[in-house]
Protein backbone atom coordinates (compact mmCIF):
# COMPACT_ATOMS: atom_id res chain seq x y z
CA MET A 1 -0.22 -0.23 0.08
CA TYR A 2 2.69 2.66 0.17
CA ASP A 3 6.17 2.37 -2.02
CA ASP A 4 9.74 1.76 -0.74
CA ASP A 5 10.84 5.14 -0.29
CA GLU A 6 7.39 6.53 1.34
CA LEU A 7 7.97 3.57 4.12
CA ALA A 8 11.40 5.05 4.11
CA ASP A 9 10.69 8.03 5.02
CA ILE A 10 8.23 6.91 7.63
CA ARG A 11 10.53 4.82 9.52
CA GLU A 12 12.80 7.87 9.74
CA ALA A 13 10.48 9.65 11.09
CA ARG A 14 9.92 7.47 13.58
CA ARG A 15 12.88 6.89 14.71
CA GLU A 16 12.89 10.95 14.62
CA TRP A 17 9.96 11.20 17.11
CA GLU A 18 10.74 8.67 19.45
CA ARG A 19 14.66 10.18 19.84
CA GLU A 20 13.24 14.17 19.80
CA THR A 21 9.54 13.96 20.92
CA ARG A 22 9.20 10.48 22.95
CA ASP A 23 12.17 9.50 25.16
CA PRO A 24 12.28 12.61 26.89
CA VAL A 25 9.00 12.38 28.13
CA ARG A 26 9.23 8.17 28.85
CA GLU A 27 12.66 9.72 30.72
CA GLN A 28 11.03 12.08 32.92
CA TYR A 29 7.57 10.76 33.71
CA GLY A 30 7.70 7.36 32.40
CA GLU A 31 5.01 4.77 31.94
CA ARG A 32 2.76 4.13 33.64
CA LYS A 33 2.56 1.03 35.65
CA GLY A 34 1.20 -2.64 34.18
CA ARG A 35 1.69 -4.46 31.43
CA PHE A 36 1.67 -3.84 27.80
CA ALA A 37 -0.10 -7.15 26.14
CA THR A 38 -3.28 -8.66 25.85
CA VAL A 39 -5.08 -10.98 27.80
CA SER A 40 -3.65 -13.68 25.61
CA ASN A 41 -0.16 -12.23 26.22
CA LEU A 42 -0.09 -10.57 22.86
CA GLU A 43 2.44 -7.56 23.17
CA ILE A 44 0.88 -4.19 21.85
CA ASP A 45 3.11 -1.65 21.05
CA ASP A 46 3.04 1.89 21.27
CA LEU A 47 2.44 3.08 18.10
CA TYR A 48 2.08 1.20 14.91
CA THR A 49 2.18 2.59 11.53
CA PRO A 50 2.36 1.75 8.17
CA ASP A 51 5.58 -0.07 8.91
CA ASP A 52 3.95 -2.51 10.43
CA VAL A 53 1.11 -3.72 7.04
CA VAL A 54 4.00 -3.22 4.50
CA ASP A 55 3.03 -7.00 2.99
CA LEU A 56 -0.67 -6.31 3.63
CA ASP A 57 -2.06 -6.51 0.42
CA TYR A 58 -5.68 -4.82 -0.25
CA GLU A 59 -7.61 -6.84 -2.55
CA SER A 60 -6.56 -10.40 -1.27
CA ASP A 61 -6.30 -9.40 2.03
CA LEU A 62 -9.19 -6.60 3.02
CA GLY A 63 -11.07 -6.61 -0.20
CA PHE A 64 -14.63 -4.95 0.93
CA PRO A 65 -17.70 -6.67 2.62
CA GLY A 66 -19.48 -9.43 1.48
CA GLU A 67 -16.69 -10.26 -1.15
CA GLU A 68 -13.69 -13.24 -0.30
CA PRO A 69 -12.25 -13.29 2.02
CA PHE A 70 -14.64 -12.05 3.71
CA THR A 71 -12.53 -10.28 6.55
CA ARG A 72 -14.33 -6.90 6.33
CA GLY A 73 -17.43 -8.90 6.66
CA VAL A 74 -19.36 -11.72 5.77
CA TYR A 75 -22.20 -10.10 4.19
CA PRO A 76 -22.73 -6.32 2.14
CA THR A 77 -24.82 -4.57 3.90
CA MET A 78 -23.97 -5.82 7.67
CA TYR A 79 -25.57 -4.01 10.40
CA ARG A 80 -26.62 -1.32 7.78
CA GLY A 81 -29.38 -3.98 6.31
CA ARG A 82 -30.10 -4.95 9.92
CA THR A 83 -28.62 -5.42 13.27
CA TRP A 84 -27.32 -8.14 14.29
CA THR A 85 -29.36 -11.41 16.30
CA MET A 86 -29.83 -10.11 20.55
CA ARG A 87 -30.00 -13.74 20.87
CA GLN A 88 -29.99 -13.84 25.23
CA PHE A 89 -29.23 -17.46 26.63
CA ALA A 90 -32.61 -18.61 27.92
CA GLY A 91 -33.41 -21.35 30.72
CA PHE A 92 -33.86 -22.74 34.12
CA GLY A 93 -36.55 -25.67 36.33
CA THR A 94 -39.28 -26.58 34.32
CA ALA A 95 -41.11 -25.89 30.86
CA GLU A 96 -43.53 -23.74 31.90
CA GLU A 97 -41.04 -21.33 33.52
CA THR A 98 -38.53 -21.02 30.78
CA ASN A 99 -41.59 -20.68 28.44
CA GLU A 100 -42.63 -17.37 30.46
CA ARG A 101 -38.87 -15.96 30.42
CA PHE A 102 -39.24 -16.59 26.87
CA HIS A 103 -42.22 -14.45 26.49
CA TYR A 104 -40.56 -11.98 29.05
CA LEU A 105 -37.40 -11.42 26.86
CA VAL A 106 -39.63 -11.56 23.68
CA GLU A 107 -41.93 -8.98 24.65
CA HIS A 108 -38.49 -6.53 25.64
CA GLY A 109 -36.91 -6.50 21.69
CA GLN A 110 -35.60 -9.68 22.01
CA THR A 111 -34.63 -11.05 18.54
CA GLY A 112 -33.99 -15.05 18.52
CA LEU A 113 -34.28 -17.70 21.07
CA SER A 114 -31.48 -19.18 23.20
CA THR A 115 -32.23 -21.88 25.10
CA ALA A 116 -30.15 -23.72 28.48
CA PHE A 117 -30.68 -26.55 29.43
CA ASP A 118 -29.98 -28.02 33.30
CA MET A 119 -27.29 -31.36 33.91
CA PRO A 120 -28.97 -34.32 33.26
CA THR A 121 -30.58 -33.00 30.17
CA LEU A 122 -27.35 -32.42 28.31
CA MET A 123 -25.95 -35.70 29.88
CA GLY A 124 -29.02 -37.23 28.57
CA LYS A 125 -30.20 -38.20 31.65
CA ASP A 126 -33.75 -39.12 32.63
CA SER A 127 -34.74 -36.46 35.13
CA ASP A 128 -35.71 -39.61 37.67
CA ASP A 129 -32.35 -41.35 37.26
CA PRO A 130 -30.55 -41.76 40.52
CA LEU A 131 -27.36 -39.08 38.99
CA SER A 132 -29.94 -36.72 38.14
CA ASP A 133 -31.29 -35.75 41.59
CA GLY A 134 -30.39 -32.29 42.91
CA GLU A 135 -29.36 -30.99 38.98
CA VAL A 136 -33.67 -30.91 37.87
CA GLY A 137 -33.75 -27.17 36.80
CA ARG A 138 -30.44 -25.67 38.11
CA GLU A 139 -28.47 -24.89 35.09
CA GLY A 140 -30.90 -24.78 32.90
CA VAL A 141 -34.55 -25.95 32.00
CA ALA A 142 -35.43 -29.94 32.16
CA VAL A 143 -36.13 -31.99 28.97
CA ASP A 144 -37.12 -35.44 29.79
CA THR A 145 -39.42 -35.78 26.85
CA LEU A 146 -41.39 -34.24 23.85
CA ARG A 147 -45.04 -32.73 25.60
CA ASP A 148 -41.91 -30.95 27.60
CA VAL A 149 -40.52 -28.97 24.25
CA GLU A 150 -44.64 -28.19 23.46
CA ILE A 151 -44.77 -26.69 26.98
CA LEU A 152 -41.41 -24.60 26.26
CA PHE A 153 -42.32 -23.10 23.10
CA ASP A 154 -46.19 -22.92 23.94
CA GLY A 155 -47.36 -19.65 22.65
CA ILE A 156 -44.43 -19.01 19.86
CA ASP A 157 -44.63 -19.75 16.51
CA ILE A 158 -41.63 -22.12 15.55
CA GLY A 159 -42.11 -21.38 11.78
CA GLU A 160 -41.15 -17.39 12.72
CA VAL A 161 -38.98 -17.18 15.50
CA THR A 162 -35.50 -18.62 15.30
CA THR A 163 -34.30 -20.60 18.71
CA SER A 164 -30.35 -21.33 18.87
CA PHE A 165 -30.68 -24.81 21.47
CA THR A 166 -27.17 -25.35 23.11
CA ILE A 167 -26.62 -28.83 24.06
CA ASN A 168 -23.87 -31.37 23.15
CA PRO A 169 -24.21 -35.18 23.71
CA SER A 170 -28.02 -35.19 22.78
CA ALA A 171 -28.59 -32.82 20.83
CA PRO A 172 -29.79 -35.52 18.29
CA VAL A 173 -32.11 -35.91 20.40
CA VAL A 174 -33.48 -32.43 21.43
CA TYR A 175 -33.43 -31.82 17.52
CA ALA A 176 -35.58 -34.30 16.84
CA MET A 177 -38.37 -33.33 19.35
CA TYR A 178 -38.21 -29.91 17.77
CA VAL A 179 -38.92 -31.32 14.21
CA ALA A 180 -41.80 -33.41 16.03
CA LEU A 181 -42.84 -30.03 17.81
CA ALA A 182 -43.16 -28.61 14.41
CA ASP A 183 -44.71 -31.72 12.75
CA ARG A 184 -46.83 -32.07 15.06
CA ARG A 185 -48.36 -28.41 14.97
CA GLY A 186 -48.24 -28.56 10.52
CA VAL A 187 -44.93 -26.46 10.71
CA PRO A 188 -43.59 -27.54 7.55
CA ARG A 189 -40.06 -28.37 8.25
CA ASP A 190 -37.91 -26.59 6.15
CA GLU A 191 -39.24 -23.34 7.38
CA LEU A 192 -37.57 -24.26 10.50
CA ASP A 193 -34.98 -21.71 11.60
CA GLY A 194 -32.26 -21.87 14.21
CA THR A 195 -28.41 -23.52 15.20
CA PHE A 196 -28.08 -26.27 17.63
CA GLN A 197 -24.35 -26.64 19.27
CA ASN A 198 -24.25 -30.27 18.60
CA ASP A 199 -20.51 -29.55 18.40
CA MET A 200 -18.95 -33.04 20.13
CA LEU A 201 -15.50 -32.30 19.53
CA LYS A 202 -14.95 -29.71 22.11
CA GLU A 203 -16.84 -31.54 24.67
CA PHE A 204 -13.42 -33.50 24.35
CA ILE A 205 -11.49 -30.68 24.10
CA ALA A 206 -12.80 -28.71 27.00
CA GLN A 207 -15.88 -28.59 28.22
CA LYS A 208 -15.79 -32.16 29.06
CA GLU A 209 -19.73 -34.02 28.85
CA TRP A 210 -19.83 -36.91 26.42
CA VAL A 211 -22.46 -39.71 27.07
CA VAL A 212 -20.49 -41.87 23.82
CA PRO A 213 -16.59 -42.02 22.92
CA PRO A 214 -15.15 -39.18 20.13
CA GLU A 215 -15.65 -41.10 17.12
CA PRO A 216 -19.29 -42.53 17.00
CA SER A 217 -19.94 -39.31 18.64
CA LEU A 218 -18.43 -37.28 15.20
CA SER A 219 -21.00 -39.63 13.37
CA LEU A 220 -23.47 -38.79 15.23
CA VAL A 221 -23.16 -35.23 14.69
CA THR A 222 -22.64 -35.71 10.69
CA ASP A 223 -25.85 -37.40 10.97
CA THR A 224 -27.40 -34.37 11.52
CA ILE A 225 -25.49 -32.46 8.90
CA GLU A 226 -27.21 -35.04 6.47
CA PHE A 227 -30.10 -34.61 8.19
CA ALA A 228 -31.05 -30.85 8.57
CA VAL A 229 -29.36 -30.66 4.36
CA ARG A 230 -32.78 -32.21 3.39
CA GLU A 231 -34.90 -32.14 5.56
CA THR A 232 -34.71 -28.25 8.05
CA PRO A 233 -32.47 -26.21 5.36
CA LYS A 234 -32.54 -23.19 7.63
CA ILE A 235 -31.42 -24.88 10.30
CA GLN A 236 -27.85 -24.39 11.55
CA PRO A 237 -27.17 -28.20 12.98
CA VAL A 238 -23.63 -28.00 14.35
CA SER A 239 -22.43 -24.49 15.99
CA ILE A 240 -18.45 -24.94 15.85
CA SER A 241 -17.83 -23.89 18.99
CA GLY A 242 -14.69 -21.70 20.48
CA TYR A 243 -16.42 -19.71 23.61
CA HIS A 244 -15.74 -23.23 25.84
CA ILE A 245 -12.26 -23.10 24.76
CA ARG A 246 -11.81 -20.27 25.78
CA GLU A 247 -13.27 -20.02 28.81
CA ALA A 248 -11.09 -23.45 29.83
CA GLY A 249 -8.56 -20.61 29.94
CA SER A 250 -6.91 -20.70 26.23
CA THR A 251 -5.68 -17.93 24.70
CA ALA A 252 -7.58 -16.01 22.27
CA ILE A 253 -5.76 -18.11 18.93
CA GLN A 254 -5.88 -21.13 20.80
CA GLU A 255 -9.62 -20.52 21.00
CA LEU A 256 -10.32 -19.58 16.99
CA ALA A 257 -7.05 -22.73 15.83
CA PHE A 258 -8.69 -25.29 17.84
CA THR A 259 -12.44 -23.88 16.81
CA LEU A 260 -11.30 -24.15 13.58
CA ALA A 261 -9.92 -27.41 13.36
CA ASP A 262 -12.90 -29.05 14.57
CA GLY A 263 -14.67 -27.10 12.09
CA PHE A 264 -12.86 -28.43 9.18
CA ALA A 265 -12.70 -32.17 10.60
CA TYR A 266 -17.10 -31.94 10.67
CA VAL A 267 -16.17 -31.20 6.52
CA GLU A 268 -14.11 -33.82 6.33
CA ASP A 269 -16.37 -36.69 7.79
CA ALA A 270 -19.83 -35.14 6.15
CA LEU A 271 -17.48 -35.01 2.87
CA ASP A 272 -16.51 -39.01 3.54
CA ARG A 273 -19.99 -39.24 4.06
CA GLY A 274 -20.28 -38.46 0.54
CA LEU A 275 -22.53 -35.56 0.61
CA GLU A 276 -21.04 -32.52 -1.65
CA ILE A 277 -18.69 -29.38 0.02
CA ASP A 278 -21.10 -26.53 -1.38
CA GLU A 279 -24.86 -29.01 -0.37
CA PHE A 280 -23.72 -28.64 3.63
CA ALA A 281 -21.35 -25.95 3.83
CA PRO A 282 -23.44 -22.92 4.10
CA GLN A 283 -25.65 -24.52 7.06
CA LEU A 284 -22.52 -24.67 9.37
CA SER A 285 -22.12 -21.95 12.02
CA PHE A 286 -19.41 -20.67 14.74
CA PHE A 287 -19.48 -20.00 18.55
CA PHE A 288 -16.95 -17.48 19.80
CA ASN A 289 -15.94 -15.78 23.17
CA SER A 290 -15.65 -11.85 23.64
CA HIS A 291 -12.59 -11.71 25.82
CA ASN A 292 -11.18 -8.16 27.55
CA SER A 293 -8.79 -7.04 25.10
CA ILE A 294 -10.65 -5.09 22.89
CA PHE A 295 -8.35 -5.25 19.17
CA GLU A 296 -7.38 -8.56 19.98
CA GLU A 297 -10.99 -9.82 19.59
CA ILE A 298 -11.42 -7.73 16.74
CA ALA A 299 -8.50 -8.95 15.54
CA LYS A 300 -9.56 -12.73 16.17
CA PHE A 301 -12.61 -12.09 14.55
CA ARG A 302 -11.44 -11.08 11.37
CA ALA A 303 -8.61 -13.59 10.75
CA GLY A 304 -10.85 -16.32 11.44
CA ARG A 305 -13.05 -15.12 8.31
CA ARG A 306 -10.24 -14.71 6.16
CA VAL A 307 -8.38 -18.27 7.44
CA TYR A 308 -11.78 -20.06 7.11
CA ALA A 309 -12.72 -18.62 3.40
CA ARG A 310 -9.08 -19.30 2.17
CA ILE A 311 -8.84 -23.19 3.46
CA MET A 312 -12.73 -23.85 2.55
CA ASP A 313 -11.41 -22.81 -1.30
CA GLU A 314 -7.76 -23.87 -1.16
CA TRP A 315 -8.81 -27.34 0.91
CA TYR A 316 -11.89 -28.34 0.14
CA ASP A 317 -12.98 -26.63 -3.08
CA ALA A 318 -15.65 -24.96 -2.42
CA ALA A 319 -17.17 -23.25 -4.47
CA ASP A 320 -20.37 -20.91 -3.39
CA PRO A 321 -19.24 -18.15 -1.52
CA ALA A 322 -21.61 -19.61 0.99
CA SER A 323 -19.69 -22.13 2.04
CA LYS A 324 -16.78 -19.52 2.58
CA ARG A 325 -18.77 -17.13 4.55
CA LEU A 326 -17.70 -17.83 8.81
CA LYS A 327 -21.10 -16.72 9.97
CA PHE A 328 -20.78 -16.55 13.81
CA HIS A 329 -22.76 -16.11 17.24
CA THR A 330 -20.64 -14.11 20.13
CA GLN A 331 -21.31 -14.66 23.93
CA THR A 332 -19.35 -12.15 26.06
CA ALA A 333 -16.81 -13.73 28.05
CA GLY A 334 -17.78 -15.75 31.88
CA ALA A 335 -15.21 -16.76 32.65
CA ALA A 336 -14.59 -12.50 33.06
CA LEU A 337 -16.61 -11.95 35.29
CA THR A 338 -16.32 -11.74 38.95
CA ALA A 339 -18.27 -12.05 42.02
CA GLN A 340 -16.68 -9.51 43.28
CA GLN A 341 -18.62 -5.81 42.45
CA PRO A 342 -20.94 -7.67 40.07
CA LEU A 343 -21.70 -4.03 39.02
CA ASN A 344 -18.27 -3.99 37.29
CA ASN A 345 -19.96 -6.97 35.18
CA VAL A 346 -21.98 -4.62 33.29
CA VAL A 347 -19.13 -2.59 31.92
CA ARG A 348 -17.02 -5.70 31.06
CA VAL A 349 -20.12 -6.84 28.94
CA THR A 350 -20.23 -3.54 27.41
CA LEU A 351 -16.55 -3.82 26.30
CA GLN A 352 -16.83 -7.22 25.02
CA ALA A 353 -20.04 -6.75 23.58
CA LEU A 354 -18.28 -3.77 21.74
CA ALA A 355 -15.46 -6.05 20.50
CA GLY A 356 -17.94 -8.30 18.98
CA VAL A 357 -20.26 -5.90 17.09
CA LEU A 358 -16.65 -4.43 16.07
CA GLY A 359 -15.58 -7.48 14.72
CA GLY A 360 -18.51 -8.44 12.48
CA THR A 361 -20.80 -11.10 14.90
CA GLN A 362 -23.69 -12.37 12.97
CA SER A 363 -25.16 -12.64 16.31
CA LEU A 364 -24.75 -12.05 20.09
CA HIS A 365 -25.56 -13.01 23.80
CA THR A 366 -24.22 -10.57 26.54
CA ASN A 367 -23.51 -12.19 30.24
CA SER A 368 -25.87 -10.77 32.92
CA PHE A 369 -23.82 -9.24 35.79
CA ASP A 370 -24.88 -11.19 38.45
CA GLU A 371 -23.98 -15.06 36.60
CA ALA A 372 -20.75 -15.21 38.57
CA LEU A 373 -22.95 -15.65 41.72
CA ALA A 374 -26.38 -17.87 40.07
CA LEU A 375 -28.75 -18.07 36.91
CA PRO A 376 -29.52 -14.32 36.14
CA SER A 377 -32.39 -12.68 36.90
CA GLU A 378 -34.47 -10.85 35.30
CA GLU A 379 -33.15 -7.62 35.87
CA ALA A 380 -30.35 -8.50 35.04
CA VAL A 381 -31.24 -9.67 32.29
CA ARG A 382 -33.02 -6.76 30.98
CA VAL A 383 -29.97 -5.13 31.39
CA ALA A 384 -27.90 -7.45 29.17
CA LEU A 385 -30.18 -7.24 26.14
CA ARG A 386 -30.15 -2.89 26.92
CA THR A 387 -26.36 -3.01 26.62
CA GLN A 388 -27.25 -4.54 23.30
CA GLN A 389 -29.91 -2.12 22.16
CA ILE A 390 -26.96 0.75 23.43
CA ILE A 391 -24.78 -0.20 21.39
CA ALA A 392 -26.73 -0.97 18.58
CA GLU A 393 -28.99 2.36 18.54
CA GLU A 394 -26.97 4.83 20.52
CA SER A 395 -23.25 4.64 19.72
CA GLY A 396 -22.87 4.64 16.29
CA ALA A 397 -20.35 1.15 15.99
CA ALA A 398 -23.19 -0.37 13.74
CA ASP A 399 -23.27 2.35 11.04
CA SER A 400 -20.39 2.04 9.78
CA ILE A 401 -19.19 -1.69 7.67
CA ASP A 402 -15.48 -2.72 9.84
CA PRO A 403 -15.50 0.59 10.91
CA LEU A 404 -11.39 -0.20 11.98
CA GLY A 405 -10.67 -2.20 9.45
CA GLY A 406 -7.35 -0.37 7.88
CA SER A 407 -6.11 0.94 11.84
CA PHE A 408 -2.58 0.16 11.51
CA MET A 409 -2.93 -1.95 14.67
CA ILE A 410 -6.06 -3.93 14.57
CA GLU A 411 -4.49 -5.25 10.88
CA SER A 412 -1.50 -5.91 12.21
CA LEU A 413 -2.94 -7.87 15.27
CA THR A 414 -4.76 -9.50 12.60
CA ASP A 415 -1.74 -10.60 10.26
CA GLU A 416 -0.52 -11.88 14.08
CA VAL A 417 -3.41 -14.41 14.33
CA GLU A 418 -3.80 -14.92 11.21
CA ALA A 419 -0.02 -16.57 11.04
CA GLU A 420 -0.12 -18.12 14.31
CA THR A 421 -3.00 -19.64 13.76
CA MET A 422 -2.57 -21.21 10.68
CA ALA A 423 0.59 -22.68 12.17
CA TYR A 424 -1.65 -24.61 14.63
CA LEU A 425 -4.07 -26.21 12.21
CA GLU A 426 -0.89 -27.19 9.92
CA GLU A 427 0.07 -28.59 13.61
CA VAL A 428 -3.10 -30.55 13.73
CA ARG A 429 -3.06 -31.11 10.20
CA ASP A 430 0.10 -33.23 10.57
CA MET A 431 -0.79 -35.66 13.64
CA GLY A 432 -3.30 -36.36 11.03
CA GLU A 433 -0.89 -36.97 8.12
CA GLY A 434 -3.00 -34.87 6.08
CA SER A 435 -5.92 -35.84 7.60
CA MET A 436 -7.57 -32.82 10.08
CA ARG A 437 -10.26 -35.03 11.15
CA GLU A 438 -7.66 -37.30 12.21
CA GLY A 439 -5.29 -34.78 13.20
CA VAL A 440 -8.25 -33.95 15.72
CA LEU A 441 -9.29 -36.99 16.82
CA GLN A 442 -5.46 -38.01 17.75
CA GLY A 443 -4.86 -34.67 19.48
CA ILE A 444 -8.21 -35.71 21.98
CA GLU A 445 -6.44 -38.80 21.89
CA ARG A 446 -3.03 -37.74 23.10
CA GLY A 447 -4.41 -35.05 25.36
CA TYR A 448 -2.44 -32.07 23.12
CA PHE A 449 -5.70 -29.29 22.95
CA GLN A 450 -5.70 -30.08 26.73
CA ARG A 451 -2.38 -29.34 27.65
CA GLU A 452 -1.76 -26.56 25.12
CA ILE A 453 -5.36 -25.42 27.41
CA GLN A 454 -3.64 -26.17 30.67
CA GLU A 455 -0.02 -24.23 30.43
CA ALA A 456 -2.44 -21.22 28.61
CA SER A 457 -4.74 -21.17 31.67
CA TYR A 458 -2.33 -21.83 34.54
CA GLU A 459 0.02 -18.69 32.87
CA TYR A 460 -2.63 -16.27 33.52
CA GLN A 461 -4.15 -17.18 36.59
CA GLU A 462 -0.33 -16.79 37.52
CA ARG A 463 -0.08 -13.33 36.07
CA VAL A 464 -3.38 -12.66 37.93
CA GLU A 465 -1.78 -13.80 41.45
CA THR A 466 1.05 -11.84 40.81
CA GLY A 467 -0.37 -9.05 40.08
CA GLU A 468 0.65 -8.82 36.58
CA GLU A 469 -2.65 -8.57 35.46
CA THR A 470 -4.96 -6.26 36.99
CA VAL A 471 -8.62 -7.25 37.56
CA VAL A 472 -10.17 -4.69 39.05
CA GLY A 473 -12.04 -5.54 42.55
CA VAL A 474 -10.05 -8.27 42.39
CA ASN A 475 -6.77 -7.84 42.83
CA GLU A 476 -6.56 -4.32 42.68
CA TYR A 477 -9.38 -1.94 44.01
CA ALA A 478 -11.15 -4.01 46.09
CA VAL A 479 -13.95 -3.50 48.73
CA GLU A 480 -14.96 -4.75 52.47
CA GLU A 481 -18.45 -4.81 52.02
CA ASP A 482 -20.84 -7.05 50.61
CA THR A 483 -21.78 -6.11 46.92
CA ARG A 484 -23.87 -9.39 45.92
CA PRO A 485 -26.67 -7.98 44.27
CA ASP A 486 -30.39 -9.94 45.02
CA ILE A 487 -30.23 -13.28 42.66
CA LEU A 488 -32.17 -15.71 40.81
CA THR A 489 -33.02 -19.15 43.53
CA VAL A 490 -34.33 -21.99 41.39
CA ASP A 491 -37.71 -23.06 43.01
CA GLU A 492 -36.74 -26.12 44.94
CA GLU A 493 -39.94 -28.00 44.15
CA ALA A 494 -39.04 -27.94 40.30
CA GLN A 495 -37.79 -31.59 40.86
CA GLU A 496 -40.70 -32.51 41.67
CA ARG A 497 -42.65 -30.96 39.39
CA GLN A 498 -40.66 -32.07 36.73
CA LEU A 499 -40.92 -35.68 38.02
CA ALA A 500 -44.44 -35.90 38.15
CA ARG A 501 -45.13 -34.83 34.62
CA LEU A 502 -42.76 -37.60 33.48
CA ASP A 503 -44.46 -40.34 35.13
CA ARG A 504 -47.72 -39.10 33.64
CA VAL A 505 -46.40 -39.24 30.67
CA ARG A 506 -45.36 -42.31 31.07
CA ALA A 507 -48.41 -43.78 32.44
CA GLU A 508 -50.17 -42.09 29.04
CA ARG A 509 -47.65 -43.16 26.16
CA ASP A 510 -47.94 -46.50 24.18
CA ASP A 511 -44.83 -49.19 25.83
CA ASP A 512 -45.06 -51.33 22.83
CA ALA A 513 -44.89 -48.44 20.53
CA VAL A 514 -41.90 -46.97 22.65
CA ALA A 515 -40.20 -50.20 22.89
CA ASP A 516 -40.73 -50.57 18.88
CA ALA A 517 -38.94 -47.03 18.50
CA LEU A 518 -36.24 -48.16 21.05
CA ALA A 519 -35.73 -50.94 18.68
CA ASP A 520 -35.57 -49.07 15.42
CA VAL A 521 -33.03 -46.97 17.07
CA GLU A 522 -30.73 -49.69 17.47
CA ARG A 523 -31.29 -51.50 14.60
CA ALA A 524 -29.89 -47.97 12.21
CA ILE A 525 -27.29 -48.14 14.70
CA ALA A 526 -26.64 -51.66 13.72
CA ASN A 527 -27.21 -51.07 10.24
CA ASP A 528 -24.89 -48.24 10.40
CA GLU A 529 -28.02 -45.95 9.04
CA ASN A 530 -28.83 -42.10 10.11
CA VAL A 531 -30.45 -42.33 13.15
CA MET A 532 -32.67 -39.08 12.51
CA PRO A 533 -35.62 -39.83 10.90
CA VAL A 534 -35.86 -42.80 13.66
CA LEU A 535 -35.43 -40.32 16.38
CA VAL A 536 -37.33 -38.73 15.30
CA ASP A 537 -39.82 -41.77 15.47
CA ALA A 538 -39.24 -42.49 19.00
CA VAL A 539 -39.71 -38.98 20.46
CA LYS A 540 -43.11 -38.80 19.13
CA VAL A 541 -44.51 -41.70 20.82
CA TYR A 542 -42.72 -40.52 23.97
CA ALA A 543 -39.80 -42.08 23.88
CA THR A 544 -37.40 -40.57 26.87
CA MET A 545 -34.34 -38.28 26.48
CA GLY A 546 -32.55 -41.40 28.86
CA GLU A 547 -34.26 -43.66 26.91
CA ILE A 548 -32.39 -43.23 23.49
CA MET A 549 -28.87 -41.91 25.04
CA ASP A 550 -29.03 -45.12 27.21
CA VAL A 551 -28.91 -46.90 23.19
CA PHE A 552 -26.68 -45.17 22.01
CA ALA A 553 -24.65 -46.20 25.03
CA ASP A 554 -24.97 -49.58 24.94
CA ALA A 555 -24.03 -49.67 21.13
CA TYR A 556 -21.08 -47.57 21.13
CA GLY A 557 -19.78 -48.37 25.27
CA THR A 558 -18.49 -45.06 26.87
CA TYR A 559 -15.26 -43.41 26.96
CA GLN A 560 -12.66 -42.32 29.25
CA GLU A 561 -10.41 -39.89 28.91
CA THR A 562 -6.69 -39.85 29.37
CA ALA A 563 -5.01 -37.76 31.35
CA SER A 564 -3.04 -35.13 30.71
CA VAL A 565 -0.61 -33.79 32.80
CA VAL A 566 1.44 -30.31 32.52
């Protein structure tokens, strides 16, 4: 973008500025206490100039919004066309309680639903399983059968609303329930719109929720991709998730690299299944964290789009531009929330959300200020939603497409993140001897991803404990008084109400039909068939979550993680 003579002049001018202007002031007054680095420990220079982006080629590295390599955004108009989807997470207690929260959020301007499930549901256990005792409805809503899903979406037009489901090992069953609900209501399957997280590879890497081993888990995800292509083309059957990798303690670069590696593993598995790249790739989506270092996060999102577009083109021969668009949901960093002085979290979340917007996210969840203490209260949820609305309507951040594009600092960081991300991707690919699918599976089995994350997490915590990394209200600016707000408590009787409904469903259903449906699931697994059609049939006769997931566990066995030592 600058010729050699211009760059030479800029370098000389910078040296003169340092010598004549900066250094005398620095010698007299020094620099402020602290470190000049991102949360991920990328060093930040005091000044960026064209010399830091000397290799930048506008056309091939930036381009224009909606055109490859999509660095400046995946759509031509971005937020000037419409703002991102404001998708606040909701789910607690029984289906009735969560349904009330859904209606509350819609009434306050939310534009997409996002469903949290309790731990028994996430792990494929029924609410009356002994392991579920005390956990029913605690972390999210309890779902045992199609009856719960019918109540959960009572009064909500599922043909119009977009819904996200944060669920993984048991995602195929919940997906089947949502399709069955549409069938019951007469909503055409091709009108259903939303996203299932359903990213099992990141479970083995970071979040640690699984029922069956990695390889059959991968196959089940591919079943949902294949089914979605044919039956629910608006549904994004997997949201490849870096969020949990970051929450486990990774750096921003590890989050991006490991998430993309998982995504390419799903791509390769679907291609092995016989699907065409442009047939399924447009339905893939991603899910990222947005942490405190604003410029690092913006660079991460921009670099991610560029890397994804180029690899989908060069490695997988994608031709349709839609197959090369890295579309993603963003959630602000839960790990950055503090129980101490929780109102400080409003500021943290605002900055993290702004980074997501300036980075070009397609949808956004802003955490509530009290989530380090409990599930969010209605007041905290409203503040979190209003944070997005203020950014969208009052800040001006949504008025220009990629407003920081061309910034010497942003472009330099974007290049740095891209280079380090590619180094990780090549390392994983080498583990699989040229296959990203095999590389990810090998990385999981060898504990490679886990060790990388553990080391990064340890280094960050060490900086916090030594005071090198400041956490306001925790290791600096602490106060003695109790600053905790009123928090949401889940009704102790919610478990009893859920167990009573499950008992009623079992008493009223046709047990022979359930037995036949579960036998069909067994046969589909044994014959290596796509299980989604038989899962839809099974949930329609009110087979329970636990009954269906037990079939998978019996067929595939369970999994024990290999210990990883830093």
